[in-house]
Amino acid sequence: LIHSHGFSAGLLMVPVAKYTKVPHIVTTHDVFQ
């Protein structure tokens, strides 16, 4: 598993997770405005 923390890390890991075929979750830790 890849567990990204924060939106920035999560978004950057999307292509990495997709092409290595490793499950990916993100914990947000923040909100949008």
PDB file of all heavy atoms in Angstrom:
ATOM      1  N   LEU A   1       0.823  -1.204   0.000  1.00  0.00           N
ATOM      2  CA  LEU A   1       0.000   0.000   0.000  1.00  0.00           C
ATOM      3  C   LEU A   1       0.862   1.261   0.000  1.00  0.00           C
ATOM      4  O   LEU A   1       1.888   1.311   0.671  1.00  0.00           O
ATOM      5  CB  LEU A   1      -0.899   0.003   1.244  1.00  0.00           C
ATOM      6  CG  LEU A   1      -1.813   1.208   1.458  1.00  0.00           C
ATOM      7  CD1 LEU A   1      -2.946   1.218   0.431  1.00  0.00           C
ATOM      8  CD2 LEU A   1      -2.379   1.211   2.881  1.00  0.00           C
ATOM      9  N   ILE A   2       0.409   2.274  -0.740  1.00  0.00           N
ATOM     10  CA  ILE A   2       0.946   3.625  -0.624  1.00  0.00           C
ATOM     11  C   ILE A   2      -0.062   4.432   0.179  1.00  0.00           C
ATOM     12  O   ILE A   2      -1.243   4.494  -0.178  1.00  0.00           O
ATOM     13  CB  ILE A   2       1.138   4.302  -1.995  1.00  0.00           C
ATOM     14  CG1 ILE A   2       2.054   3.475  -2.890  1.00  0.00           C
ATOM     15  CG2 ILE A   2       1.697   5.717  -1.821  1.00  0.00           C
ATOM     16  CD1 ILE A   2       2.075   3.978  -4.323  1.00  0.00           C
ATOM     17  N   HIS A   3       0.403   5.058   1.255  1.00  0.00           N
ATOM     18  CA  HIS A   3      -0.473   5.921   2.045  1.00  0.00           C
ATOM     19  C   HIS A   3       0.100   7.325   2.014  1.00  0.00           C
ATOM     20  O   HIS A   3       1.084   7.634   2.687  1.00  0.00           O
ATOM     21  CB  HIS A   3      -0.586   5.416   3.479  1.00  0.00           C
ATOM     22  CG  HIS A   3      -1.626   6.134   4.278  1.00  0.00           C
ATOM     23  ND1 HIS A   3      -1.976   5.771   5.561  1.00  0.00           N
ATOM     24  CD2 HIS A   3      -2.421   7.200   3.979  1.00  0.00           C
ATOM     25  CE1 HIS A   3      -2.920   6.576   6.009  1.00  0.00           C
ATOM     26  NE2 HIS A   3      -3.191   7.467   5.075  1.00  0.00           N
ATOM     27  N   SER A   4      -0.522   8.193   1.219  1.00  0.00           N
ATOM     28  CA  SER A   4      -0.074   9.582   1.102  1.00  0.00           C
ATOM     29  C   SER A   4      -0.751  10.432   2.167  1.00  0.00           C
ATOM     30  O   SER A   4      -1.915  10.201   2.513  1.00  0.00           O
ATOM     31  CB  SER A   4      -0.420  10.134  -0.284  1.00  0.00           C
ATOM     32  OG  SER A   4       0.238   9.409  -1.289  1.00  0.00           O
ATOM     33  N   HIS A   5      -0.019  11.441   2.647  1.00  0.00           N
ATOM     34  CA  HIS A   5      -0.558  12.329   3.679  1.00  0.00           C
ATOM     35  C   HIS A   5      -0.529  13.764   3.177  1.00  0.00           C
ATOM     36  O   HIS A   5       0.530  14.317   2.912  1.00  0.00           O
ATOM     37  CB  HIS A   5       0.231  12.175   4.977  1.00  0.00           C
ATOM     38  CG  HIS A   5      -0.032  10.872   5.653  1.00  0.00           C
ATOM     39  ND1 HIS A   5      -0.978  10.721   6.644  1.00  0.00           N
ATOM     40  CD2 HIS A   5       0.487   9.640   5.442  1.00  0.00           C
ATOM     41  CE1 HIS A   5      -1.013   9.459   7.027  1.00  0.00           C
ATOM     42  NE2 HIS A   5      -0.125   8.786   6.308  1.00  0.00           N
ATOM     43  N   GLY A   6      -1.734  14.331   3.059  1.00  0.00           N
ATOM     44  CA  GLY A   6      -1.871  15.674   2.506  1.00  0.00           C
ATOM     45  C   GLY A   6      -2.204  15.618   1.027  1.00  0.00           C
ATOM     46  O   GLY A   6      -1.843  14.669   0.320  1.00  0.00           O
ATOM     47  N   PHE A   7      -2.901  16.650   0.556  1.00  0.00           N
ATOM     48  CA  PHE A   7      -3.336  16.677  -0.845  1.00  0.00           C
ATOM     49  C   PHE A   7      -2.164  16.666  -1.814  1.00  0.00           C
ATOM     50  O   PHE A   7      -2.197  15.974  -2.836  1.00  0.00           O
ATOM     51  CB  PHE A   7      -4.196  17.916  -1.100  1.00  0.00           C
ATOM     52  CG  PHE A   7      -5.529  17.882  -0.397  1.00  0.00           C
ATOM     53  CD1 PHE A   7      -5.884  18.866   0.509  1.00  0.00           C
ATOM     54  CD2 PHE A   7      -6.427  16.862  -0.645  1.00  0.00           C
ATOM     55  CE1 PHE A   7      -7.113  18.837   1.150  1.00  0.00           C
ATOM     56  CE2 PHE A   7      -7.657  16.809  -0.009  1.00  0.00           C
ATOM     57  CZ  PHE A   7      -8.006  17.809   0.895  1.00  0.00           C
ATOM     58  N   SER A   8      -1.117  17.431  -1.522  1.00  0.00           N
ATOM     59  CA  SER A   8       0.020  17.535  -2.447  1.00  0.00           C
ATOM     60  C   SER A   8       0.674  16.184  -2.674  1.00  0.00           C
ATOM     61  O   SER A   8       0.883  15.755  -3.817  1.00  0.00           O
ATOM     62  CB  SER A   8       1.054  18.529  -1.919  1.00  0.00           C
ATOM     63  OG  SER A   8       0.517  19.820  -1.817  1.00  0.00           O
ATOM     64  N   ALA A   9       1.001  15.504  -1.585  1.00  0.00           N
ATOM     65  CA  ALA A   9       1.632  14.188  -1.704  1.00  0.00           C
ATOM     66  C   ALA A   9       0.707  13.201  -2.403  1.00  0.00           C
ATOM     67  O   ALA A   9       1.142  12.414  -3.255  1.00  0.00           O
ATOM     68  CB  ALA A   9       2.012  13.667  -0.318  1.00  0.00           C
ATOM     69  N   GLY A  10      -0.572  13.260  -2.061  1.00  0.00           N
ATOM     70  CA  GLY A  10      -1.534  12.344  -2.666  1.00  0.00           C
ATOM     71  C   GLY A  10      -1.627  12.504  -4.167  1.00  0.00           C
ATOM     72  O   GLY A  10      -1.611  11.522  -4.926  1.00  0.00           O
ATOM     73  N   LEU A  11      -1.699  13.734  -4.627  1.00  0.00           N
ATOM     74  CA  LEU A  11      -1.824  13.988  -6.067  1.00  0.00           C
ATOM     75  C   LEU A  11      -0.559  13.590  -6.815  1.00  0.00           C
ATOM     76  O   LEU A  11      -0.619  13.053  -7.923  1.00  0.00           O
ATOM     77  CB  LEU A  11      -2.142  15.465  -6.298  1.00  0.00           C
ATOM     78  CG  LEU A  11      -3.504  15.914  -5.751  1.00  0.00           C
ATOM     79  CD1 LEU A  11      -3.614  17.430  -5.777  1.00  0.00           C
ATOM     80  CD2 LEU A  11      -4.645  15.287  -6.556  1.00  0.00           C
ATOM     81  N   LEU A  12       0.592  13.847  -6.213  1.00  0.00           N
ATOM     82  CA  LEU A  12       1.859  13.492  -6.860  1.00  0.00           C
ATOM     83  C   LEU A  12       2.055  11.982  -6.956  1.00  0.00           C
ATOM     84  O   LEU A  12       2.746  11.493  -7.857  1.00  0.00           O
ATOM     85  CB  LEU A  12       3.022  14.117  -6.089  1.00  0.00           C
ATOM     86  CG  LEU A  12       3.141  15.639  -6.194  1.00  0.00           C
ATOM     87  CD1 LEU A  12       4.119  16.169  -5.158  1.00  0.00           C
ATOM     88  CD2 LEU A  12       3.572  16.056  -7.597  1.00  0.00           C
ATOM     89  N   MET A  13       1.445  11.239  -6.039  1.00  0.00           N
ATOM     90  CA  MET A  13       1.585   9.793  -6.043  1.00  0.00           C
ATOM     91  C   MET A  13       0.599   9.087  -6.967  1.00  0.00           C
ATOM     92  O   MET A  13       0.722   7.875  -7.194  1.00  0.00           O
ATOM     93  CB  MET A  13       1.427   9.244  -4.625  1.00  0.00           C
ATOM     94  CG  MET A  13       2.620   9.489  -3.713  1.00  0.00           C
ATOM     95  SD  MET A  13       4.140   8.676  -4.306  1.00  0.00           S
ATOM     96  CE  MET A  13       5.038  10.107  -4.953  1.00  0.00           C
ATOM     97  N   VAL A  14      -0.366   9.808  -7.512  1.00  0.00           N
ATOM     98  CA  VAL A  14      -1.362   9.172  -8.388  1.00  0.00           C
ATOM     99  C   VAL A  14      -0.718   8.468  -9.578  1.00  0.00           C
ATOM    100  O   VAL A  14      -0.965   7.274  -9.813  1.00  0.00           O
ATOM    101  CB  VAL A  14      -2.427  10.192  -8.840  1.00  0.00           C
ATOM    102  CG1 VAL A  14      -3.250   9.633  -9.999  1.00  0.00           C
ATOM    103  CG2 VAL A  14      -3.350  10.543  -7.683  1.00  0.00           C
ATOM    104  N   PRO A  15       0.104   9.146 -10.394  1.00  0.00           N
ATOM    105  CA  PRO A  15       0.719   8.434 -11.532  1.00  0.00           C
ATOM    106  C   PRO A  15       1.684   7.339 -11.096  1.00  0.00           C
ATOM    107  O   PRO A  15       1.786   6.298 -11.755  1.00  0.00           O
ATOM    108  CB  PRO A  15       1.459   9.551 -12.292  1.00  0.00           C
ATOM    109  CG  PRO A  15       1.640  10.652 -11.306  1.00  0.00           C
ATOM    110  CD  PRO A  15       0.462  10.580 -10.393  1.00  0.00           C
ATOM    111  N   VAL A  16       2.369   7.543  -9.968  1.00  0.00           N
ATOM    112  CA  VAL A  16       3.290   6.522  -9.466  1.00  0.00           C
ATOM    113  C   VAL A  16       2.523   5.254  -9.100  1.00  0.00           C
ATOM    114  O   VAL A  16       2.912   4.140  -9.459  1.00  0.00           O
ATOM    115  CB  VAL A  16       4.065   7.055  -8.240  1.00  0.00           C
ATOM    116  CG1 VAL A  16       4.943   5.962  -7.647  1.00  0.00           C
ATOM    117  CG2 VAL A  16       4.914   8.260  -8.621  1.00  0.00           C
ATOM    118  N   ALA A  17       1.420   5.435  -8.377  1.00  0.00           N
ATOM    119  CA  ALA A  17       0.602   4.285  -7.969  1.00  0.00           C
ATOM    120  C   ALA A  17      -0.027   3.598  -9.177  1.00  0.00           C
ATOM    121  O   ALA A  17      -0.088   2.370  -9.249  1.00  0.00           O
ATOM    122  CB  ALA A  17      -0.484   4.747  -6.999  1.00  0.00           C
ATOM    123  N   LYS A  18      -0.476   4.397 -10.125  1.00  0.00           N
ATOM    124  CA  LYS A  18      -1.157   3.846 -11.302  1.00  0.00           C
ATOM    125  C   LYS A  18      -0.224   2.940 -12.109  1.00  0.00           C
ATOM    126  O   LYS A  18      -0.592   1.830 -12.494  1.00  0.00           O
ATOM    127  CB  LYS A  18      -1.673   4.976 -12.189  1.00  0.00           C
ATOM    128  CG  LYS A  18      -2.336   4.499 -13.480  1.00  0.00           C
ATOM    129  CD  LYS A  18      -2.918   5.651 -14.268  1.00  0.00           C
ATOM    130  CE  LYS A  18      -3.428   5.205 -15.625  1.00  0.00           C
ATOM    131  NZ  LYS A  18      -4.445   4.139 -15.529  1.00  0.00           N
ATOM    132  N   TYR A  19       1.003   3.402 -12.338  1.00  0.00           N
ATOM    133  CA  TYR A  19       1.911   2.657 -13.211  1.00  0.00           C
ATOM    134  C   TYR A  19       2.690   1.569 -12.495  1.00  0.00           C
ATOM    135  O   TYR A  19       3.236   0.683 -13.140  1.00  0.00           O
ATOM    136  CB  TYR A  19       2.845   3.630 -13.931  1.00  0.00           C
ATOM    137  CG  TYR A  19       2.110   4.440 -14.977  1.00  0.00           C
ATOM    138  CD1 TYR A  19       1.816   5.785 -14.767  1.00  0.00           C
ATOM    139  CD2 TYR A  19       1.664   3.843 -16.160  1.00  0.00           C
ATOM    140  CE1 TYR A  19       1.104   6.520 -15.706  1.00  0.00           C
ATOM    141  CE2 TYR A  19       0.963   4.571 -17.102  1.00  0.00           C
ATOM    142  CZ  TYR A  19       0.680   5.913 -16.876  1.00  0.00           C
ATOM    143  OH  TYR A  19      -0.030   6.633 -17.806  1.00  0.00           O
ATOM    144  N   THR A  20       2.723   1.602 -11.167  1.00  0.00           N
ATOM    145  CA  THR A  20       3.337   0.493 -10.427  1.00  0.00           C
ATOM    146  C   THR A  20       2.281  -0.485  -9.924  1.00  0.00           C
ATOM    147  O   THR A  20       2.611  -1.524  -9.357  1.00  0.00           O
ATOM    148  CB  THR A  20       4.157   1.015  -9.234  1.00  0.00           C
ATOM    149  OG1 THR A  20       3.316   1.799  -8.383  1.00  0.00           O
ATOM    150  CG2 THR A  20       5.343   1.839  -9.706  1.00  0.00           C
ATOM    151  N   LYS A  21       0.998  -0.096 -10.111  1.00  0.00           N
ATOM    152  CA  LYS A  21      -0.134  -0.945  -9.747  1.00  0.00           C
ATOM    153  C   LYS A  21      -0.164  -1.278  -8.240  1.00  0.00           C
ATOM    154  O   LYS A  21      -0.507  -2.387  -7.830  1.00  0.00           O
ATOM    155  CB  LYS A  21      -0.146  -2.235 -10.574  1.00  0.00           C
ATOM    156  CG  LYS A  21      -0.375  -2.003 -12.057  1.00  0.00           C
ATOM    157  CD  LYS A  21      -0.378  -3.296 -12.835  1.00  0.00           C
ATOM    158  CE  LYS A  21      -0.847  -3.140 -14.267  1.00  0.00           C
ATOM    159  NZ  LYS A  21      -0.493  -1.923 -14.953  1.00  0.00           N
ATOM    160  N   VAL A  22       0.201  -0.299  -7.426  1.00  0.00           N
ATOM    161  CA  VAL A  22       0.136  -0.452  -5.973  1.00  0.00           C
ATOM    162  C   VAL A  22      -1.081   0.324  -5.466  1.00  0.00           C
ATOM    163  O   VAL A  22      -1.265   1.483  -5.832  1.00  0.00           O
ATOM    164  CB  VAL A  22       1.416   0.089  -5.300  1.00  0.00           C
ATOM    165  CG1 VAL A  22       1.304  -0.016  -3.777  1.00  0.00           C
ATOM    166  CG2 VAL A  22       2.643  -0.662  -5.787  1.00  0.00           C
ATOM    167  N   PRO A  23      -1.932  -0.276  -4.634  1.00  0.00           N
ATOM    168  CA  PRO A  23      -3.093   0.445  -4.085  1.00  0.00           C
ATOM    169  C   PRO A  23      -2.662   1.726  -3.383  1.00  0.00           C
ATOM    170  O   PRO A  23      -1.619   1.756  -2.721  1.00  0.00           O
ATOM    171  CB  PRO A  23      -3.697  -0.562  -3.100  1.00  0.00           C
ATOM    172  CG  PRO A  23      -3.252  -1.896  -3.611  1.00  0.00           C
ATOM    173  CD  PRO A  23      -1.881  -1.683  -4.189  1.00  0.00           C
ATOM    174  N   HIS A  24      -3.496   2.760  -3.499  1.00  0.00           N
ATOM    175  CA  HIS A  24      -3.106   4.085  -3.018  1.00  0.00           C
ATOM    176  C   HIS A  24      -4.258   4.746  -2.275  1.00  0.00           C
ATOM    177  O   HIS A  24      -5.367   4.871  -2.810  1.00  0.00           O
ATOM    178  CB  HIS A  24      -2.697   4.954  -4.222  1.00  0.00           C
ATOM    179  CG  HIS A  24      -2.332   6.359  -3.863  1.00  0.00           C
ATOM    180  ND1 HIS A  24      -2.601   7.431  -4.698  1.00  0.00           N
ATOM    181  CD2 HIS A  24      -1.725   6.885  -2.765  1.00  0.00           C
ATOM    182  CE1 HIS A  24      -2.161   8.548  -4.134  1.00  0.00           C
ATOM    183  NE2 HIS A  24      -1.636   8.243  -2.960  1.00  0.00           N
ATOM    184  N   ILE A  25      -4.001   5.173  -1.046  1.00  0.00           N
ATOM    185  CA  ILE A  25      -4.991   5.961  -0.305  1.00  0.00           C
ATOM    186  C   ILE A  25      -4.342   7.265   0.137  1.00  0.00           C
ATOM    187  O   ILE A  25      -3.119   7.359   0.249  1.00  0.00           O
ATOM    188  CB  ILE A  25      -5.558   5.196   0.917  1.00  0.00           C
ATOM    189  CG1 ILE A  25      -4.491   5.046   2.007  1.00  0.00           C
ATOM    190  CG2 ILE A  25      -6.104   3.840   0.519  1.00  0.00           C
ATOM    191  CD1 ILE A  25      -5.024   4.466   3.298  1.00  0.00           C
ATOM    192  N   VAL A  26      -5.166   8.269   0.371  1.00  0.00           N
ATOM    193  CA  VAL A  26      -4.664   9.555   0.850  1.00  0.00           C
ATOM    194  C   VAL A  26      -5.461   9.975   2.076  1.00  0.00           C
ATOM    195  O   VAL A  26      -6.675   9.795   2.129  1.00  0.00           O
ATOM    196  CB  VAL A  26      -4.743  10.640  -0.245  1.00  0.00           C
ATOM    197  CG1 VAL A  26      -6.174  10.879  -0.692  1.00  0.00           C
ATOM    198  CG2 VAL A  26      -4.113  11.954   0.240  1.00  0.00           C
ATOM    199  N   THR A  27      -4.760  10.477   3.088  1.00  0.00           N
ATOM    200  CA  THR A  27      -5.412  11.112   4.234  1.00  0.00           C
ATOM    201  C   THR A  27      -5.297  12.607   4.019  1.00  0.00           C
ATOM    202  O   THR A  27      -4.200  13.128   3.802  1.00  0.00           O
ATOM    203  CB  THR A  27      -4.747  10.701   5.556  1.00  0.00           C
ATOM    204  OG1 THR A  27      -4.933   9.294   5.742  1.00  0.00           O
ATOM    205  CG2 THR A  27      -5.363  11.445   6.728  1.00  0.00           C
ATOM    206  N   THR A  28      -6.419  13.318   4.079  1.00  0.00           N
ATOM    207  CA  THR A  28      -6.456  14.706   3.620  1.00  0.00           C
ATOM    208  C   THR A  28      -5.769  15.694   4.561  1.00  0.00           C
ATOM    209  O   THR A  28      -5.012  16.542   4.115  1.00  0.00           O
ATOM    210  CB  THR A  28      -7.904  15.142   3.382  1.00  0.00           C
ATOM    211  OG1 THR A  28      -8.661  14.977   4.587  1.00  0.00           O
ATOM    212  CG2 THR A  28      -8.537  14.292   2.279  1.00  0.00           C
ATOM    213  N   HIS A  29      -6.051  15.669   5.842  1.00  0.00           N
ATOM    214  CA  HIS A  29      -5.429  16.550   6.839  1.00  0.00           C
ATOM    215  C   HIS A  29      -5.751  18.036   6.656  1.00  0.00           C
ATOM    216  O   HIS A  29      -5.232  18.877   7.386  1.00  0.00           O
ATOM    217  CB  HIS A  29      -3.900  16.398   6.841  1.00  0.00           C
ATOM    218  CG  HIS A  29      -3.414  15.060   7.309  1.00  0.00           C
ATOM    219  ND1 HIS A  29      -3.475  14.657   8.626  1.00  0.00           N
ATOM    220  CD2 HIS A  29      -2.872  14.030   6.627  1.00  0.00           C
ATOM    221  CE1 HIS A  29      -2.973  13.437   8.739  1.00  0.00           C
ATOM    222  NE2 HIS A  29      -2.611  13.035   7.541  1.00  0.00           N
ATOM    223  N   ASP A  30      -6.559  18.402   5.692  1.00  0.00           N
ATOM    224  CA  ASP A  30      -6.810  19.818   5.422  1.00  0.00           C
ATOM    225  C   ASP A  30      -8.163  19.960   4.733  1.00  0.00           C
ATOM    226  O   ASP A  30      -8.823  18.972   4.429  1.00  0.00           O
ATOM    227  CB  ASP A  30      -5.695  20.394   4.534  1.00  0.00           C
ATOM    228  CG  ASP A  30      -5.489  21.883   4.756  1.00  0.00           C
ATOM    229  OD1 ASP A  30      -6.400  22.525   5.327  1.00  0.00           O
ATOM    230  OD2 ASP A  30      -4.432  22.408   4.360  1.00  0.00           O
ATOM    231  N   VAL A  31      -8.572  21.189   4.461  1.00  0.00           N
ATOM    232  CA  VAL A  31      -9.834  21.457   3.782  1.00  0.00           C
ATOM    233  C   VAL A  31      -9.610  22.433   2.639  1.00  0.00           C
ATOM    234  O   VAL A  31      -8.581  23.106   2.560  1.00  0.00           O
ATOM    235  CB  VAL A  31     -10.887  22.033   4.758  1.00  0.00           C
ATOM    236  CG1 VAL A  31     -11.260  21.007   5.813  1.00  0.00           C
ATOM    237  CG2 VAL A  31     -10.377  23.325   5.397  1.00  0.00           C
ATOM    238  N   PHE A  32     -10.592  22.503   1.753  1.00  0.00           N
ATOM    239  CA  PHE A  32     -10.540  23.430   0.629  1.00  0.00           C
ATOM    240  C   PHE A  32     -11.353  24.682   0.949  1.00  0.00           C
ATOM    241  O   PHE A  32     -12.297  24.649   1.741  1.00  0.00           O
ATOM    242  CB  PHE A  32     -11.093  22.768  -0.632  1.00  0.00           C
ATOM    243  CG  PHE A  32     -10.209  21.678  -1.171  1.00  0.00           C
ATOM    244  CD1 PHE A  32     -10.526  20.342  -0.977  1.00  0.00           C
ATOM    245  CD2 PHE A  32      -9.060  21.995  -1.876  1.00  0.00           C
ATOM    246  CE1 PHE A  32      -9.718  19.331  -1.467  1.00  0.00           C
ATOM    247  CE2 PHE A  32      -8.238  20.990  -2.382  1.00  0.00           C
ATOM    248  CZ  PHE A  32      -8.567  19.663  -2.170  1.00  0.00           C
ATOM    249  N   GLN A  33     -10.997  25.788   0.273  1.00  0.00           N
ATOM    250  CA  GLN A  33     -11.710  27.053   0.406  1.00  0.00           C
ATOM    251  C   GLN A  33     -11.945  27.646  -0.980  1.00  0.00           C
ATOM    252  O   GLN A  33     -11.258  27.282  -1.953  1.00  0.00           O
ATOM    253  CB  GLN A  33     -10.900  28.041   1.252  1.00  0.00           C
ATOM    254  CG  GLN A  33     -10.607  27.540   2.660  1.00  0.00           C
ATOM    255  CD  GLN A  33      -9.772  28.524   3.448  1.00  0.00           C
ATOM    256  OE1 GLN A  33     -10.285  29.490   4.008  1.00  0.00           O
ATOM    257  NE2 GLN A  33      -8.467  28.309   3.498  1.00  0.00           N
TER     258      GLN A  33
END
